[in-house]
Amino acid sequence: MPRRGKPFFYALLASFLLHLIILFGPHITLPEPAPEPPLTVKIQTLPPLAAVKPQPPKHAAKPKAKPLRPAPIIPNPAPLPEPAPTPPPQAIAQAPAPSVPAPAPASPPASPSMPLPDPRPDFPARIQIVYSVYRGTQGLLLGKTTHTWHIVDNQYLLTSTTEATGLFSLFYSGRYIMTSRGELTPAGLKPISFWIQRGQSSEHTEYADFDWAAKTLQYGKPDDIHNASLADGTQDQLSALYQLAFTAPHSGRVTVPVTTGRKLNQYTYQVVGEETLQTPLGALRTEHLVSVQSTPEAGNTGDIWLAIDQHYLPVRFKLTTPDGEVLDQVISSLHIP
């Protein structure tokens, strides 16, 4: 065993003595700190600020576009509960959906201040639909889209939230949100405002503002707003799906003016007929419509399937871009509280 020498011995001895002092040494009382003098606050009155004369801009300001009219405030309904496990199709067909009672008809004509009857009195007041989003003809799963629908005092709030799932969520963060607000009339949905939010930013990237009194439509980005005349029955790209549900069943061709927030076009749908669609909810009887590109500017074409036994709700819609890209959304769950 090697010799450690005197330095090690002295260090050991000092440690031993220090422990003895801590354990058996006298108790040492630290002196208390002297009390601080009381705090004195002196309030002085500041002289009034001199008026600042605005300076003229160095360059002429670019005339601003007419600001969008804010959307009406709709009472915020309670959040929907988490969807229950998907029941078998037989249970969906047998379970009665809660309905919005239609007001009793009045003998005199309804005044503008009176609430208008719902175009489909049996249409549920609250709905949540979840879709699986696939890309391409091979059915590559990208994510999911959730539609929530609320009716409050003959006004509707409709939102669509799309987000990546699985492996794609590692590369695509944030959500793609569309919101449509408006009212229900005997002719169906009457949008008042529509906007799109992309990614993680809280700013709206595209707007559409419907001024039905002035028959004008404003749409575009905050720094690039367009004005157009507003035709009866004009929809936004989200409300158009549920307008088809409210006006079903259809025959022949159906033409709907639709704004996407970036442009305004006429979209025409040809009714193919009744088809049985296989879904995670089982086999559903559907009305199949195919869009007909009425103008070259319309661009995308698509197919829509409306569930006949489920209030003609959209249960599948497939979009095909001019370059052949396919985006297919198929219902995976339906929740009607």
C-alpha atoms as a PDB file:
ATOM      1  CA  MET A   1       0.000   0.000   0.000  1.00  0.00           C
ATOM      2  CA  PRO A   2       1.572   3.337  -0.995  1.00  0.00           C
ATOM      3  CA  ARG A   3       2.322   5.979   1.615  1.00  0.00           C
ATOM      4  CA  ARG A   4       0.159   9.055   1.330  1.00  0.00           C
ATOM      5  CA  GLY A   5       2.355  11.389   3.353  1.00  0.00           C
ATOM      6  CA  LYS A   6       1.705  14.232   5.772  1.00  0.00           C
ATOM      7  CA  PRO A   7      -0.612  16.361   3.598  1.00  0.00           C
ATOM      8  CA  PHE A   8      -3.189  13.588   3.566  1.00  0.00           C
ATOM      9  CA  PHE A   9      -2.908  13.167   7.325  1.00  0.00           C
ATOM     10  CA  TYR A  10      -3.396  16.890   7.997  1.00  0.00           C
ATOM     11  CA  ALA A  11      -6.427  17.017   5.715  1.00  0.00           C
ATOM     12  CA  LEU A  12      -7.990  14.053   7.514  1.00  0.00           C
ATOM     13  CA  LEU A  13      -7.304  15.638  10.885  1.00  0.00           C
ATOM     14  CA  ALA A  14      -8.847  18.973   9.849  1.00  0.00           C
ATOM     15  CA  SER A  15     -12.001  17.244   8.597  1.00  0.00           C
ATOM     16  CA  PHE A  16     -12.322  15.338  11.876  1.00  0.00           C
ATOM     17  CA  LEU A  17     -11.981  18.512  13.975  1.00  0.00           C
ATOM     18  CA  LEU A  18     -14.518  20.341  11.833  1.00  0.00           C
ATOM     19  CA  HIS A  19     -17.107  17.594  12.423  1.00  0.00           C
ATOM     20  CA  LEU A  20     -16.499  17.765  16.181  1.00  0.00           C
ATOM     21  CA  ILE A  21     -17.060  21.510  16.228  1.00  0.00           C
ATOM     22  CA  ILE A  22     -20.296  21.194  14.270  1.00  0.00           C
ATOM     23  CA  LEU A  23     -21.653  18.402  16.508  1.00  0.00           C
ATOM     24  CA  PHE A  24     -20.497  19.475  19.965  1.00  0.00           C
ATOM     25  CA  GLY A  25     -19.443  23.096  19.626  1.00  0.00           C
ATOM     26  CA  PRO A  26     -21.238  26.041  21.231  1.00  0.00           C
ATOM     27  CA  HIS A  27     -24.433  27.377  19.728  1.00  0.00           C
ATOM     28  CA  ILE A  28     -23.791  30.586  17.757  1.00  0.00           C
ATOM     29  CA  THR A  29     -26.563  33.105  17.411  1.00  0.00           C
ATOM     30  CA  LEU A  30     -26.336  35.331  14.363  1.00  0.00           C
ATOM     31  CA  PRO A  31     -27.039  39.016  14.936  1.00  0.00           C
ATOM     32  CA  GLU A  32     -30.431  40.216  13.738  1.00  0.00           C
ATOM     33  CA  PRO A  33     -30.360  42.727  10.886  1.00  0.00           C
ATOM     34  CA  ALA A  34     -31.148  46.311  11.767  1.00  0.00           C
ATOM     35  CA  PRO A  35     -34.692  47.360  10.791  1.00  0.00           C
ATOM     36  CA  GLU A  36     -34.939  49.290   7.568  1.00  0.00           C
ATOM     37  CA  PRO A  37     -36.231  52.869   7.687  1.00  0.00           C
ATOM     38  CA  PRO A  38     -39.875  53.270   6.605  1.00  0.00           C
ATOM     39  CA  LEU A  39     -40.493  53.882   2.910  1.00  0.00           C
ATOM     40  CA  THR A  40     -41.586  57.408   2.077  1.00  0.00           C
ATOM     41  CA  VAL A  41     -43.545  58.039  -1.111  1.00  0.00           C
ATOM     42  CA  LYS A  42     -43.651  61.525  -2.544  1.00  0.00           C
ATOM     43  CA  ILE A  43     -46.219  62.173  -5.321  1.00  0.00           C
ATOM     44  CA  GLN A  44     -45.468  64.925  -7.805  1.00  0.00           C
ATOM     45  CA  THR A  45     -47.811  66.204 -10.489  1.00  0.00           C
ATOM     46  CA  LEU A  46     -46.319  66.010 -13.964  1.00  0.00           C
ATOM     47  CA  PRO A  47     -46.802  68.954 -16.308  1.00  0.00           C
ATOM     48  CA  PRO A  48     -49.355  68.369 -19.088  1.00  0.00           C
ATOM     49  CA  LEU A  49     -48.017  66.922 -22.297  1.00  0.00           C
ATOM     50  CA  ALA A  50     -47.695  69.278 -25.184  1.00  0.00           C
ATOM     51  CA  ALA A  51     -49.853  68.529 -28.175  1.00  0.00           C
ATOM     52  CA  VAL A  52     -47.939  66.751 -30.879  1.00  0.00           C
ATOM     53  CA  LYS A  53     -48.557  68.134 -34.321  1.00  0.00           C
ATOM     54  CA  PRO A  54     -48.935  65.288 -36.835  1.00  0.00           C
ATOM     55  CA  GLN A  55     -46.301  65.288 -39.540  1.00  0.00           C
ATOM     56  CA  PRO A  56     -47.434  64.874 -43.135  1.00  0.00           C
ATOM     57  CA  PRO A  57     -46.284  61.612 -44.748  1.00  0.00           C
ATOM     58  CA  LYS A  58     -43.275  61.790 -46.984  1.00  0.00           C
ATOM     59  CA  HIS A  59     -45.016  59.834 -49.699  1.00  0.00           C
ATOM     60  CA  ALA A  60     -48.650  59.750 -50.683  1.00  0.00           C
ATOM     61  CA  ALA A  61     -50.369  56.845 -48.935  1.00  0.00           C
ATOM     62  CA  LYS A  62     -51.881  54.184 -51.091  1.00  0.00           C
ATOM     63  CA  PRO A  63     -55.674  54.300 -50.824  1.00  0.00           C
ATOM     64  CA  LYS A  64     -56.856  51.514 -48.596  1.00  0.00           C
ATOM     65  CA  ALA A  65     -59.452  49.006 -49.677  1.00  0.00           C
ATOM     66  CA  LYS A  66     -62.820  49.110 -48.053  1.00  0.00           C
ATOM     67  CA  PRO A  67     -62.507  47.177 -44.770  1.00  0.00           C
ATOM     68  CA  LEU A  68     -64.443  43.977 -44.428  1.00  0.00           C
ATOM     69  CA  ARG A  69     -67.688  44.175 -42.564  1.00  0.00           C
ATOM     70  CA  PRO A  70     -67.345  42.225 -39.302  1.00  0.00           C
ATOM     71  CA  ALA A  71     -69.345  39.064 -38.978  1.00  0.00           C
ATOM     72  CA  PRO A  72     -72.334  39.063 -36.615  1.00  0.00           C
ATOM     73  CA  ILE A  73     -71.700  37.694 -33.171  1.00  0.00           C
ATOM     74  CA  ILE A  74     -73.274  34.297 -32.715  1.00  0.00           C
ATOM     75  CA  PRO A  75     -73.599  32.893 -29.186  1.00  0.00           C
ATOM     76  CA  ASN A  76     -70.788  30.455 -28.607  1.00  0.00           C
ATOM     77  CA  PRO A  77     -72.386  27.059 -28.010  1.00  0.00           C
ATOM     78  CA  ALA A  78     -70.940  24.561 -25.598  1.00  0.00           C
ATOM     79  CA  PRO A  79     -68.131  22.457 -27.070  1.00  0.00           C
ATOM     80  CA  LEU A  80     -69.117  19.163 -28.569  1.00  0.00           C
ATOM     81  CA  PRO A  81     -68.250  16.086 -26.524  1.00  0.00           C
ATOM     82  CA  GLU A  82     -65.689  13.656 -27.848  1.00  0.00           C
ATOM     83  CA  PRO A  83     -67.241  11.406 -30.487  1.00  0.00           C
ATOM     84  CA  ALA A  84     -68.439   8.093 -29.165  1.00  0.00           C
ATOM     85  CA  PRO A  85     -67.135   4.873 -30.741  1.00  0.00           C
ATOM     86  CA  THR A  86     -68.585   4.421 -34.208  1.00  0.00           C
ATOM     87  CA  PRO A  87     -71.811   2.372 -33.954  1.00  0.00           C
ATOM     88  CA  PRO A  88     -72.772  -0.195 -36.589  1.00  0.00           C
ATOM     89  CA  PRO A  89     -74.696   1.180 -39.581  1.00  0.00           C
ATOM     90  CA  GLN A  90     -77.911  -0.450 -38.364  1.00  0.00           C
ATOM     91  CA  ALA A  91     -77.740   1.557 -35.138  1.00  0.00           C
ATOM     92  CA  ILE A  92     -77.135   4.762 -37.082  1.00  0.00           C
ATOM     93  CA  ALA A  93     -80.135   4.132 -39.285  1.00  0.00           C
ATOM     94  CA  GLN A  94     -82.424   3.392 -36.305  1.00  0.00           C
ATOM     95  CA  ALA A  95     -81.252   6.063 -33.879  1.00  0.00           C
ATOM     96  CA  PRO A  96     -83.490   9.156 -34.224  1.00  0.00           C
ATOM     97  CA  ALA A  97     -81.526  12.392 -34.509  1.00  0.00           C
ATOM     98  CA  PRO A  98     -82.506  15.377 -32.372  1.00  0.00           C
ATOM     99  CA  SER A  99     -84.286  17.920 -34.494  1.00  0.00           C
ATOM    100  CA  VAL A 100     -84.832  21.636 -34.523  1.00  0.00           C
ATOM    101  CA  PRO A 101     -88.587  22.214 -34.091  1.00  0.00           C
ATOM    102  CA  ALA A 102     -90.147  24.365 -36.796  1.00  0.00           C
ATOM    103  CA  PRO A 103     -92.020  27.431 -35.535  1.00  0.00           C
ATOM    104  CA  ALA A 104     -95.773  27.441 -35.871  1.00  0.00           C
ATOM    105  CA  PRO A 105     -96.941  29.133 -39.078  1.00  0.00           C
ATOM    106  CA  ALA A 106     -98.354  32.604 -38.621  1.00  0.00           C
ATOM    107  CA  SER A 107    -101.252  33.937 -40.618  1.00  0.00           C
ATOM    108  CA  PRO A 108     -99.680  37.342 -41.402  1.00  0.00           C
ATOM    109  CA  PRO A 109     -96.401  37.468 -43.358  1.00  0.00           C
ATOM    110  CA  ALA A 110     -93.314  37.265 -41.166  1.00  0.00           C
ATOM    111  CA  SER A 111     -91.642  40.583 -40.525  1.00  0.00           C
ATOM    112  CA  PRO A 112     -87.870  40.941 -41.030  1.00  0.00           C
ATOM    113  CA  SER A 113     -87.348  40.935 -37.265  1.00  0.00           C
ATOM    114  CA  MET A 114     -89.068  37.567 -36.786  1.00  0.00           C
ATOM    115  CA  PRO A 115     -86.922  34.396 -37.000  1.00  0.00           C
ATOM    116  CA  LEU A 116     -87.278  32.533 -40.266  1.00  0.00           C
ATOM    117  CA  PRO A 117     -88.190  28.828 -40.279  1.00  0.00           C
ATOM    118  CA  ASP A 118     -85.466  26.304 -40.940  1.00  0.00           C
ATOM    119  CA  PRO A 119     -85.532  25.021 -44.530  1.00  0.00           C
ATOM    120  CA  ARG A 120     -85.329  21.445 -43.181  1.00  0.00           C
ATOM    121  CA  PRO A 121     -87.020  21.351 -39.741  1.00  0.00           C
ATOM    122  CA  ASP A 122     -85.677  17.862 -39.000  1.00  0.00           C
ATOM    123  CA  PHE A 123     -82.044  18.876 -39.620  1.00  0.00           C
ATOM    124  CA  PRO A 124     -79.947  18.341 -36.443  1.00  0.00           C
ATOM    125  CA  ALA A 125     -78.891  21.443 -34.528  1.00  0.00           C
ATOM    126  CA  ARG A 126     -75.448  19.992 -33.769  1.00  0.00           C
ATOM    127  CA  ILE A 127     -73.316  17.670 -35.873  1.00  0.00           C
ATOM    128  CA  GLN A 128     -69.736  16.459 -35.835  1.00  0.00           C
ATOM    129  CA  ILE A 129     -68.310  14.554 -38.801  1.00  0.00           C
ATOM    130  CA  VAL A 130     -64.749  13.224 -39.006  1.00  0.00           C
ATOM    131  CA  TYR A 131     -63.256  12.363 -42.392  1.00  0.00           C
ATOM    132  CA  SER A 132     -60.102  10.452 -43.296  1.00  0.00           C
ATOM    133  CA  VAL A 133     -58.057  12.337 -45.875  1.00  0.00           C
ATOM    134  CA  TYR A 134     -56.364  10.320 -48.625  1.00  0.00           C
ATOM    135  CA  ARG A 135     -54.073  11.412 -51.416  1.00  0.00           C
ATOM    136  CA  GLY A 136     -53.796   9.871 -54.860  1.00  0.00           C
ATOM    137  CA  THR A 137     -55.502   6.871 -56.364  1.00  0.00           C
ATOM    138  CA  GLN A 138     -53.571   4.497 -54.068  1.00  0.00           C
ATOM    139  CA  GLY A 139     -55.279   5.856 -50.952  1.00  0.00           C
ATOM    140  CA  LEU A 140     -52.284   7.242 -49.051  1.00  0.00           C
ATOM    141  CA  LEU A 141     -53.594   8.425 -45.658  1.00  0.00           C
ATOM    142  CA  LEU A 142     -52.541  12.027 -44.977  1.00  0.00           C
ATOM    143  CA  GLY A 143     -54.628  13.131 -42.015  1.00  0.00           C
ATOM    144  CA  LYS A 144     -58.162  13.903 -40.905  1.00  0.00           C
ATOM    145  CA  THR A 145     -60.757  16.635 -41.328  1.00  0.00           C
ATOM    146  CA  THR A 146     -63.377  17.476 -38.705  1.00  0.00           C
ATOM    147  CA  HIS A 147     -66.583  19.336 -39.533  1.00  0.00           C
ATOM    148  CA  THR A 148     -68.630  20.866 -36.709  1.00  0.00           C
ATOM    149  CA  TRP A 149     -72.074  22.322 -37.305  1.00  0.00           C
ATOM    150  CA  HIS A 150     -74.197  24.416 -34.904  1.00  0.00           C
ATOM    151  CA  ILE A 151     -77.575  26.085 -35.330  1.00  0.00           C
ATOM    152  CA  VAL A 152     -78.482  28.864 -32.868  1.00  0.00           C
ATOM    153  CA  ASP A 153     -81.610  30.978 -33.436  1.00  0.00           C
ATOM    154  CA  ASN A 154     -81.694  30.266 -37.177  1.00  0.00           C
ATOM    155  CA  GLN A 155     -78.042  31.200 -37.513  1.00  0.00           C
ATOM    156  CA  TYR A 156     -75.373  28.638 -38.295  1.00  0.00           C
ATOM    157  CA  LEU A 157     -71.687  28.261 -37.478  1.00  0.00           C
ATOM    158  CA  LEU A 158     -69.733  25.790 -39.591  1.00  0.00           C
ATOM    159  CA  THR A 159     -66.047  24.971 -39.154  1.00  0.00           C
ATOM    160  CA  SER A 160     -63.683  22.587 -40.928  1.00  0.00           C
ATOM    161  CA  THR A 161     -60.319  21.675 -39.373  1.00  0.00           C
ATOM    162  CA  THR A 162     -57.765  19.604 -41.306  1.00  0.00           C
ATOM    163  CA  GLU A 163     -54.532  18.338 -39.766  1.00  0.00           C
ATOM    164  CA  ALA A 164     -51.893  15.773 -40.650  1.00  0.00           C
ATOM    165  CA  THR A 165     -51.732  12.510 -38.721  1.00  0.00           C
ATOM    166  CA  GLY A 166     -49.256   9.677 -38.357  1.00  0.00           C
ATOM    167  CA  LEU A 167     -45.953  10.033 -40.170  1.00  0.00           C
ATOM    168  CA  PHE A 168     -47.069  13.162 -42.048  1.00  0.00           C
ATOM    169  CA  SER A 169     -47.577  15.041 -38.770  1.00  0.00           C
ATOM    170  CA  LEU A 170     -43.775  15.063 -38.426  1.00  0.00           C
ATOM    171  CA  PHE A 171     -43.474  17.155 -41.596  1.00  0.00           C
ATOM    172  CA  TYR A 172     -46.696  19.189 -41.652  1.00  0.00           C
ATOM    173  CA  SER A 173     -47.512  21.037 -38.432  1.00  0.00           C
ATOM    174  CA  GLY A 174     -50.408  23.352 -37.815  1.00  0.00           C
ATOM    175  CA  ARG A 175     -53.953  23.152 -39.108  1.00  0.00           C
ATOM    176  CA  TYR A 176     -55.988  24.286 -42.098  1.00  0.00           C
ATOM    177  CA  ILE A 177     -59.182  25.891 -40.785  1.00  0.00           C
ATOM    178  CA  MET A 178     -62.217  27.144 -42.690  1.00  0.00           C
ATOM    179  CA  THR A 179     -65.074  28.958 -40.949  1.00  0.00           C
ATOM    180  CA  SER A 180     -68.446  29.957 -42.366  1.00  0.00           C
ATOM    181  CA  ARG A 181     -71.092  31.987 -40.513  1.00  0.00           C
ATOM    182  CA  GLY A 182     -74.528  32.901 -41.727  1.00  0.00           C
ATOM    183  CA  GLU A 183     -78.250  32.388 -41.378  1.00  0.00           C
ATOM    184  CA  LEU A 184     -80.832  29.849 -42.500  1.00  0.00           C
ATOM    185  CA  THR A 185     -83.627  30.849 -44.860  1.00  0.00           C
ATOM    186  CA  PRO A 186     -86.341  28.929 -46.690  1.00  0.00           C
ATOM    187  CA  ALA A 187     -83.918  28.835 -49.639  1.00  0.00           C
ATOM    188  CA  GLY A 188     -81.129  27.309 -47.545  1.00  0.00           C
ATOM    189  CA  LEU A 189     -77.849  28.705 -46.242  1.00  0.00           C
ATOM    190  CA  LYS A 190     -77.141  32.423 -46.550  1.00  0.00           C
ATOM    191  CA  PRO A 191     -73.458  33.025 -45.691  1.00  0.00           C
ATOM    192  CA  ILE A 192     -72.421  36.303 -44.095  1.00  0.00           C
ATOM    193  CA  SER A 193     -68.688  35.770 -43.600  1.00  0.00           C
ATOM    194  CA  PHE A 194     -66.095  33.174 -44.550  1.00  0.00           C
ATOM    195  CA  TRP A 195     -62.387  32.967 -43.791  1.00  0.00           C
ATOM    196  CA  ILE A 196     -59.433  30.591 -44.001  1.00  0.00           C
ATOM    197  CA  GLN A 197     -56.565  30.171 -41.553  1.00  0.00           C
ATOM    198  CA  ARG A 198     -53.451  28.244 -42.566  1.00  0.00           C
ATOM    199  CA  GLY A 199     -50.615  26.764 -40.509  1.00  0.00           C
ATOM    200  CA  GLN A 200     -49.911  27.958 -36.991  1.00  0.00           C
ATOM    201  CA  SER A 201     -50.615  31.631 -37.634  1.00  0.00           C
ATOM    202  CA  SER A 202     -53.785  33.074 -36.103  1.00  0.00           C
ATOM    203  CA  GLU A 203     -54.178  35.518 -39.007  1.00  0.00           C
ATOM    204  CA  HIS A 204     -56.806  34.929 -41.657  1.00  0.00           C
ATOM    205  CA  THR A 205     -55.267  34.434 -45.077  1.00  0.00           C
ATOM    206  CA  GLU A 206     -58.402  34.703 -47.240  1.00  0.00           C
ATOM    207  CA  TYR A 207     -61.748  36.355 -46.553  1.00  0.00           C
ATOM    208  CA  ALA A 208     -65.186  36.617 -48.073  1.00  0.00           C
ATOM    209  CA  ASP A 209     -67.733  39.163 -46.837  1.00  0.00           C
ATOM    210  CA  PHE A 210     -71.345  38.879 -48.060  1.00  0.00           C
ATOM    211  CA  ASP A 211     -73.319  42.148 -48.052  1.00  0.00           C
ATOM    212  CA  TRP A 212     -76.777  40.943 -49.041  1.00  0.00           C
ATOM    213  CA  ALA A 213     -78.414  44.354 -48.560  1.00  0.00           C
ATOM    214  CA  ALA A 214     -76.038  46.016 -51.022  1.00  0.00           C
ATOM    215  CA  LYS A 215     -75.742  42.866 -53.184  1.00  0.00           C
ATOM    216  CA  THR A 216     -71.938  43.053 -53.081  1.00  0.00           C
ATOM    217  CA  LEU A 217     -69.262  40.506 -52.265  1.00  0.00           C
ATOM    218  CA  GLN A 218     -65.777  41.311 -51.010  1.00  0.00           C
ATOM    219  CA  TYR A 219     -63.163  38.571 -51.118  1.00  0.00           C
ATOM    220  CA  GLY A 220     -59.415  38.072 -51.202  1.00  0.00           C
ATOM    221  CA  LYS A 221     -56.492  38.737 -48.888  1.00  0.00           C
ATOM    222  CA  PRO A 222     -56.304  41.695 -46.479  1.00  0.00           C
ATOM    223  CA  ASP A 223     -53.950  43.510 -48.849  1.00  0.00           C
ATOM    224  CA  ASP A 224     -55.665  42.403 -52.072  1.00  0.00           C
ATOM    225  CA  ILE A 225     -59.458  42.671 -51.808  1.00  0.00           C
ATOM    226  CA  HIS A 226     -61.806  42.256 -54.778  1.00  0.00           C
ATOM    227  CA  ASN A 227     -65.408  43.402 -55.191  1.00  0.00           C
ATOM    228  CA  ALA A 228     -68.116  41.630 -57.142  1.00  0.00           C
ATOM    229  CA  SER A 229     -71.879  41.638 -57.478  1.00  0.00           C
ATOM    230  CA  LEU A 230     -73.588  39.152 -55.167  1.00  0.00           C
ATOM    231  CA  ALA A 231     -76.042  36.800 -56.865  1.00  0.00           C
ATOM    232  CA  ASP A 232     -78.792  35.029 -54.945  1.00  0.00           C
ATOM    233  CA  GLY A 233     -77.718  31.638 -53.630  1.00  0.00           C
ATOM    234  CA  THR A 234     -73.971  32.410 -53.609  1.00  0.00           C
ATOM    235  CA  GLN A 235     -72.053  30.158 -51.208  1.00  0.00           C
ATOM    236  CA  ASP A 236     -68.532  29.811 -49.874  1.00  0.00           C
ATOM    237  CA  GLN A 237     -66.618  26.589 -50.466  1.00  0.00           C
ATOM    238  CA  LEU A 238     -67.562  25.194 -47.047  1.00  0.00           C
ATOM    239  CA  SER A 239     -71.234  26.181 -46.907  1.00  0.00           C
ATOM    240  CA  ALA A 240     -71.758  24.868 -50.466  1.00  0.00           C
ATOM    241  CA  LEU A 241     -71.537  21.267 -49.201  1.00  0.00           C
ATOM    242  CA  TYR A 242     -74.308  21.801 -46.658  1.00  0.00           C
ATOM    243  CA  GLN A 243     -76.390  23.879 -49.061  1.00  0.00           C
ATOM    244  CA  LEU A 244     -76.514  20.752 -51.216  1.00  0.00           C
ATOM    245  CA  ALA A 245     -77.689  18.813 -48.143  1.00  0.00           C
ATOM    246  CA  PHE A 246     -80.463  21.343 -47.441  1.00  0.00           C
ATOM    247  CA  THR A 247     -81.727  21.431 -51.023  1.00  0.00           C
ATOM    248  CA  ALA A 248     -81.547  17.655 -51.680  1.00  0.00           C
ATOM    249  CA  PRO A 249     -82.735  15.505 -53.337  1.00  0.00           C
ATOM    250  CA  HIS A 250     -81.595  16.805 -56.717  1.00  0.00           C
ATOM    251  CA  SER A 251     -82.111  15.903 -60.329  1.00  0.00           C
ATOM    252  CA  GLY A 252     -80.463  16.938 -63.553  1.00  0.00           C
ATOM    253  CA  ARG A 253     -77.916  19.709 -62.993  1.00  0.00           C
ATOM    254  CA  VAL A 254     -77.390  22.008 -60.003  1.00  0.00           C
ATOM    255  CA  THR A 255     -75.494  25.294 -60.424  1.00  0.00           C
ATOM    256  CA  VAL A 256     -74.117  27.176 -57.420  1.00  0.00           C
ATOM    257  CA  PRO A 257     -72.006  30.377 -57.374  1.00  0.00           C
ATOM    258  CA  VAL A 258     -69.107  29.665 -54.978  1.00  0.00           C
ATOM    259  CA  THR A 259     -66.276  31.799 -53.611  1.00  0.00           C
ATOM    260  CA  THR A 260     -63.118  30.166 -52.297  1.00  0.00           C
ATOM    261  CA  GLY A 261     -61.850  33.374 -50.725  1.00  0.00           C
ATOM    262  CA  ARG A 262     -59.474  33.781 -53.673  1.00  0.00           C
ATOM    263  CA  LYS A 263     -61.941  33.773 -56.556  1.00  0.00           C
ATOM    264  CA  LEU A 264     -65.625  33.575 -57.435  1.00  0.00           C
ATOM    265  CA  ASN A 265     -66.947  31.077 -59.978  1.00  0.00           C
ATOM    266  CA  GLN A 266     -70.056  29.209 -61.029  1.00  0.00           C
ATOM    267  CA  TYR A 267     -69.923  25.494 -60.211  1.00  0.00           C
ATOM    268  CA  THR A 268     -72.302  23.050 -61.863  1.00  0.00           C
ATOM    269  CA  TYR A 269     -72.973  19.536 -60.538  1.00  0.00           C
ATOM    270  CA  GLN A 270     -74.497  16.727 -62.562  1.00  0.00           C
ATOM    271  CA  VAL A 271     -76.583  14.224 -60.616  1.00  0.00           C
ATOM    272  CA  VAL A 272     -75.314  10.726 -61.404  1.00  0.00           C
ATOM    273  CA  GLY A 273     -77.951   8.958 -59.323  1.00  0.00           C
ATOM    274  CA  GLU A 274     -78.215   6.785 -56.244  1.00  0.00           C
ATOM    275  CA  GLU A 275     -75.157   4.721 -55.259  1.00  0.00           C
ATOM    276  CA  THR A 276     -74.248   2.470 -52.333  1.00  0.00           C
ATOM    277  CA  LEU A 277     -71.035   3.723 -50.766  1.00  0.00           C
ATOM    278  CA  GLN A 278     -68.898   1.437 -48.590  1.00  0.00           C
ATOM    279  CA  THR A 279     -67.550   3.389 -45.586  1.00  0.00           C
ATOM    280  CA  PRO A 280     -66.240   2.644 -42.075  1.00  0.00           C
ATOM    281  CA  LEU A 281     -69.858   3.220 -40.979  1.00  0.00           C
ATOM    282  CA  GLY A 282     -71.004   0.465 -43.297  1.00  0.00           C
ATOM    283  CA  ALA A 283     -72.883   0.637 -46.576  1.00  0.00           C
ATOM    284  CA  LEU A 284     -74.627   4.001 -47.074  1.00  0.00           C
ATOM    285  CA  ARG A 285     -77.215   4.941 -49.670  1.00  0.00           C
ATOM    286  CA  THR A 286     -75.943   8.109 -51.316  1.00  0.00           C
ATOM    287  CA  GLU A 287     -76.775  10.629 -53.979  1.00  0.00           C
ATOM    288  CA  HIS A 288     -73.719  10.993 -56.211  1.00  0.00           C
ATOM    289  CA  LEU A 289     -73.001  14.320 -57.894  1.00  0.00           C
ATOM    290  CA  VAL A 290     -70.151  15.104 -60.282  1.00  0.00           C
ATOM    291  CA  SER A 291     -68.981  18.651 -60.863  1.00  0.00           C
ATOM    292  CA  VAL A 292     -68.945  19.917 -64.420  1.00  0.00           C
ATOM    293  CA  GLN A 293     -66.310  22.528 -65.153  1.00  0.00           C
ATOM    294  CA  SER A 294     -68.488  25.323 -66.472  1.00  0.00           C
ATOM    295  CA  THR A 295     -65.675  27.863 -66.922  1.00  0.00           C
ATOM    296  CA  PRO A 296     -61.914  27.429 -67.517  1.00  0.00           C
ATOM    297  CA  GLU A 297     -61.237  29.516 -64.410  1.00  0.00           C
ATOM    298  CA  ALA A 298     -63.095  27.054 -62.175  1.00  0.00           C
ATOM    299  CA  GLY A 299     -60.037  24.807 -62.194  1.00  0.00           C
ATOM    300  CA  ASN A 300     -60.675  21.871 -59.846  1.00  0.00           C
ATOM    301  CA  THR A 301     -63.373  19.268 -60.437  1.00  0.00           C
ATOM    302  CA  GLY A 302     -64.841  16.924 -57.894  1.00  0.00           C
ATOM    303  CA  ASP A 303     -67.375  14.329 -56.797  1.00  0.00           C
ATOM    304  CA  ILE A 304     -69.738  14.594 -53.829  1.00  0.00           C
ATOM    305  CA  TRP A 305     -71.690  11.814 -52.130  1.00  0.00           C
ATOM    306  CA  LEU A 306     -74.651  12.785 -49.897  1.00  0.00           C
ATOM    307  CA  ALA A 307     -76.022  10.202 -47.407  1.00  0.00           C
ATOM    308  CA  ILE A 308     -79.729   9.840 -48.190  1.00  0.00           C
ATOM    309  CA  ASP A 309     -80.637   8.334 -44.792  1.00  0.00           C
ATOM    310  CA  GLN A 310     -78.503  10.807 -42.834  1.00  0.00           C
ATOM    311  CA  HIS A 311     -80.090  14.149 -43.760  1.00  0.00           C
ATOM    312  CA  TYR A 312     -78.142  14.126 -47.063  1.00  0.00           C
ATOM    313  CA  LEU A 313     -74.981  15.002 -45.160  1.00  0.00           C
ATOM    314  CA  PRO A 314     -71.767  14.947 -47.234  1.00  0.00           C
ATOM    315  CA  VAL A 315     -70.052  11.632 -46.462  1.00  0.00           C
ATOM    316  CA  ARG A 316     -67.424  11.744 -49.184  1.00  0.00           C
ATOM    317  CA  PHE A 317     -65.997  14.387 -51.479  1.00  0.00           C
ATOM    318  CA  LYS A 318     -63.154  13.916 -53.918  1.00  0.00           C
ATOM    319  CA  LEU A 319     -61.232  16.795 -55.464  1.00  0.00           C
ATOM    320  CA  THR A 320     -59.172  16.525 -58.641  1.00  0.00           C
ATOM    321  CA  THR A 321     -56.839  19.387 -59.582  1.00  0.00           C
ATOM    322  CA  PRO A 322     -56.085  20.369 -63.211  1.00  0.00           C
ATOM    323  CA  ASP A 323     -52.687  18.611 -62.989  1.00  0.00           C
ATOM    324  CA  GLY A 324     -54.322  15.337 -61.919  1.00  0.00           C
ATOM    325  CA  GLU A 325     -53.713  15.495 -58.148  1.00  0.00           C
ATOM    326  CA  VAL A 326     -56.476  13.680 -56.209  1.00  0.00           C
ATOM    327  CA  LEU A 327     -57.566  14.495 -52.651  1.00  0.00           C
ATOM    328  CA  ASP A 328     -60.242  12.176 -51.262  1.00  0.00           C
ATOM    329  CA  GLN A 329     -62.095  12.614 -47.949  1.00  0.00           C
ATOM    330  CA  VAL A 330     -64.245   9.730 -46.658  1.00  0.00           C
ATOM    331  CA  ILE A 331     -66.374   9.791 -43.507  1.00  0.00           C
ATOM    332  CA  SER A 332     -64.920   7.821 -40.577  1.00  0.00           C
ATOM    333  CA  SER A 333     -67.329   8.842 -37.794  1.00  0.00           C
ATOM    334  CA  LEU A 334     -70.635  10.691 -37.384  1.00  0.00           C
ATOM    335  CA  HIS A 335     -71.755  12.149 -34.067  1.00  0.00           C
ATOM    336  CA  ILE A 336     -75.161  13.769 -33.536  1.00  0.00           C
ATOM    337  CA  PRO A 337     -75.684  14.627 -29.818  1.00  0.00           C
END
